[in-house]
């Protein structure tokens, strides 16, 4: 399998997963609109909080080594 064929297969798989995910969300929203909205907002909130915490706790090892040498 060549590299371009492998890349096309990966892109096709990604598009298939995205289409399945979108179809699932539409089906869930059609049958259970309130709970789907609540769960979606909750998941997006958790992702936002975890991204903010990751940014706050991220430290560069170079800065850490420099601060330890100065102490």
C-alpha atoms as a PDB file:
ATOM      1  CA  UNK A   1       0.000   0.000   0.000  1.00  0.00           C
ATOM      2  CA  UNK A   2       1.523   3.314  -1.006  1.00  0.00           C
ATOM      3  CA  UNK A   3       1.667   6.342   1.246  1.00  0.00           C
ATOM      4  CA  UNK A   4      -0.993   8.253  -0.721  1.00  0.00           C
ATOM      5  CA  UNK A   5      -3.369   5.272  -0.608  1.00  0.00           C
ATOM      6  CA  UNK A   6      -2.793   4.953   3.119  1.00  0.00           C
ATOM      7  CA  UNK A   7      -3.490   8.682   3.540  1.00  0.00           C
ATOM      8  CA  UNK A   8      -6.717   8.405   1.524  1.00  0.00           C
ATOM      9  CA  UNK A   9      -7.826   5.437   3.627  1.00  0.00           C
ATOM     10  CA  UNK A  10      -7.150   7.401   6.818  1.00  0.00           C
ATOM     11  CA  UNK A  11      -9.118  10.385   5.521  1.00  0.00           C
ATOM     12  CA  UNK A  12     -12.011   8.139   4.461  1.00  0.00           C
ATOM     13  CA  UNK A  13     -12.039   6.491   7.904  1.00  0.00           C
ATOM     14  CA  UNK A  14     -12.030   9.894   9.604  1.00  0.00           C
ATOM     15  CA  UNK A  15     -14.919  11.115   7.460  1.00  0.00           C
ATOM     16  CA  UNK A  16     -16.873   7.921   8.158  1.00  0.00           C
ATOM     17  CA  UNK A  17     -16.366   8.327  11.917  1.00  0.00           C
ATOM     18  CA  UNK A  18     -17.409  11.986  11.758  1.00  0.00           C
ATOM     19  CA  UNK A  19     -20.517  11.132   9.715  1.00  0.00           C
ATOM     20  CA  UNK A  20     -21.490   8.373  12.149  1.00  0.00           C
ATOM     21  CA  UNK A  21     -20.953  10.698  15.089  1.00  0.00           C
ATOM     22  CA  UNK A  22     -23.056  13.447  13.491  1.00  0.00           C
ATOM     23  CA  UNK A  23     -25.840  11.009  12.605  1.00  0.00           C
ATOM     24  CA  UNK A  24     -25.838   9.682  16.171  1.00  0.00           C
ATOM     25  CA  UNK A  25     -26.078  13.180  17.634  1.00  0.00           C
ATOM     26  CA  UNK A  26     -28.950  14.104  15.288  1.00  0.00           C
ATOM     27  CA  UNK A  27     -30.807  10.887  16.166  1.00  0.00           C
ATOM     28  CA  UNK A  28     -30.289  11.442  19.889  1.00  0.00           C
ATOM     29  CA  UNK A  29     -31.343  15.077  19.646  1.00  0.00           C
ATOM     30  CA  UNK A  30     -34.436  14.097  17.660  1.00  0.00           C
ATOM     31  CA  UNK A  31     -35.559  11.464  20.192  1.00  0.00           C
ATOM     32  CA  UNK A  32     -34.229  12.954  23.462  1.00  0.00           C
ATOM     33  CA  UNK A  33     -33.766  16.722  22.947  1.00  0.00           C
ATOM     34  CA  UNK A  34     -33.545  17.887  26.579  1.00  0.00           C
ATOM     35  CA  UNK A  35     -31.148  15.252  27.927  1.00  0.00           C
ATOM     36  CA  UNK A  36     -28.999  15.427  24.786  1.00  0.00           C
ATOM     37  CA  UNK A  37     -28.641  19.186  25.211  1.00  0.00           C
ATOM     38  CA  UNK A  38     -27.803  18.856  28.913  1.00  0.00           C
ATOM     39  CA  UNK A  39     -25.215  16.131  28.333  1.00  0.00           C
ATOM     40  CA  UNK A  40     -23.657  18.026  25.412  1.00  0.00           C
ATOM     41  CA  UNK A  41     -23.297  21.200  27.471  1.00  0.00           C
ATOM     42  CA  UNK A  42     -21.874  19.195  30.384  1.00  0.00           C
ATOM     43  CA  UNK A  43     -19.287  17.462  28.178  1.00  0.00           C
ATOM     44  CA  UNK A  44     -18.244  20.753  26.562  1.00  0.00           C
ATOM     45  CA  UNK A  45     -17.945  22.341  30.006  1.00  0.00           C
ATOM     46  CA  UNK A  46     -15.733  19.501  31.264  1.00  0.00           C
ATOM     47  CA  UNK A  47     -13.544  19.788  28.167  1.00  0.00           C
ATOM     48  CA  UNK A  48     -13.254  23.555  28.630  1.00  0.00           C
ATOM     49  CA  UNK A  49     -12.341  23.242  32.304  1.00  0.00           C
ATOM     50  CA  UNK A  50      -9.779  20.521  31.610  1.00  0.00           C
ATOM     51  CA  UNK A  51      -8.212  22.609  28.834  1.00  0.00           C
ATOM     52  CA  UNK A  52      -7.957  25.582  31.169  1.00  0.00           C
ATOM     53  CA  UNK A  53      -6.451  23.423  33.931  1.00  0.00           C
ATOM     54  CA  UNK A  54      -3.973  21.919  31.475  1.00  0.00           C
ATOM     55  CA  UNK A  55      -2.889  25.391  30.418  1.00  0.00           C
ATOM     56  CA  UNK A  56      -2.536  26.512  34.046  1.00  0.00           C
ATOM     57  CA  UNK A  57      -0.527  23.468  35.124  1.00  0.00           C
ATOM     58  CA  UNK A  58       1.651  23.308  32.016  1.00  0.00           C
ATOM     59  CA  UNK A  59       5.244  24.137  32.825  1.00  0.00           C
ATOM     60  CA  UNK A  60       8.294  24.149  30.670  1.00  0.00           C
ATOM     61  CA  UNK A  61      11.053  21.854  31.932  1.00  0.00           C
ATOM     62  CA  UNK A  62      13.657  24.439  30.946  1.00  0.00           C
ATOM     63  CA  UNK A  63      12.046  27.003  33.253  1.00  0.00           C
ATOM     64  CA  UNK A  64      11.912  24.420  36.027  1.00  0.00           C
ATOM     65  CA  UNK A  65      15.626  23.594  35.685  1.00  0.00           C
ATOM     66  CA  UNK A  66      16.575  27.294  35.633  1.00  0.00           C
ATOM     67  CA  UNK A  67      14.572  27.994  38.793  1.00  0.00           C
ATOM     68  CA  UNK A  68      16.200  25.045  40.585  1.00  0.00           C
ATOM     69  CA  UNK A  69      19.720  26.227  39.626  1.00  0.00           C
ATOM     70  CA  UNK A  70      19.036  29.685  41.011  1.00  0.00           C
ATOM     71  CA  UNK A  71      17.878  28.330  44.375  1.00  0.00           C
END
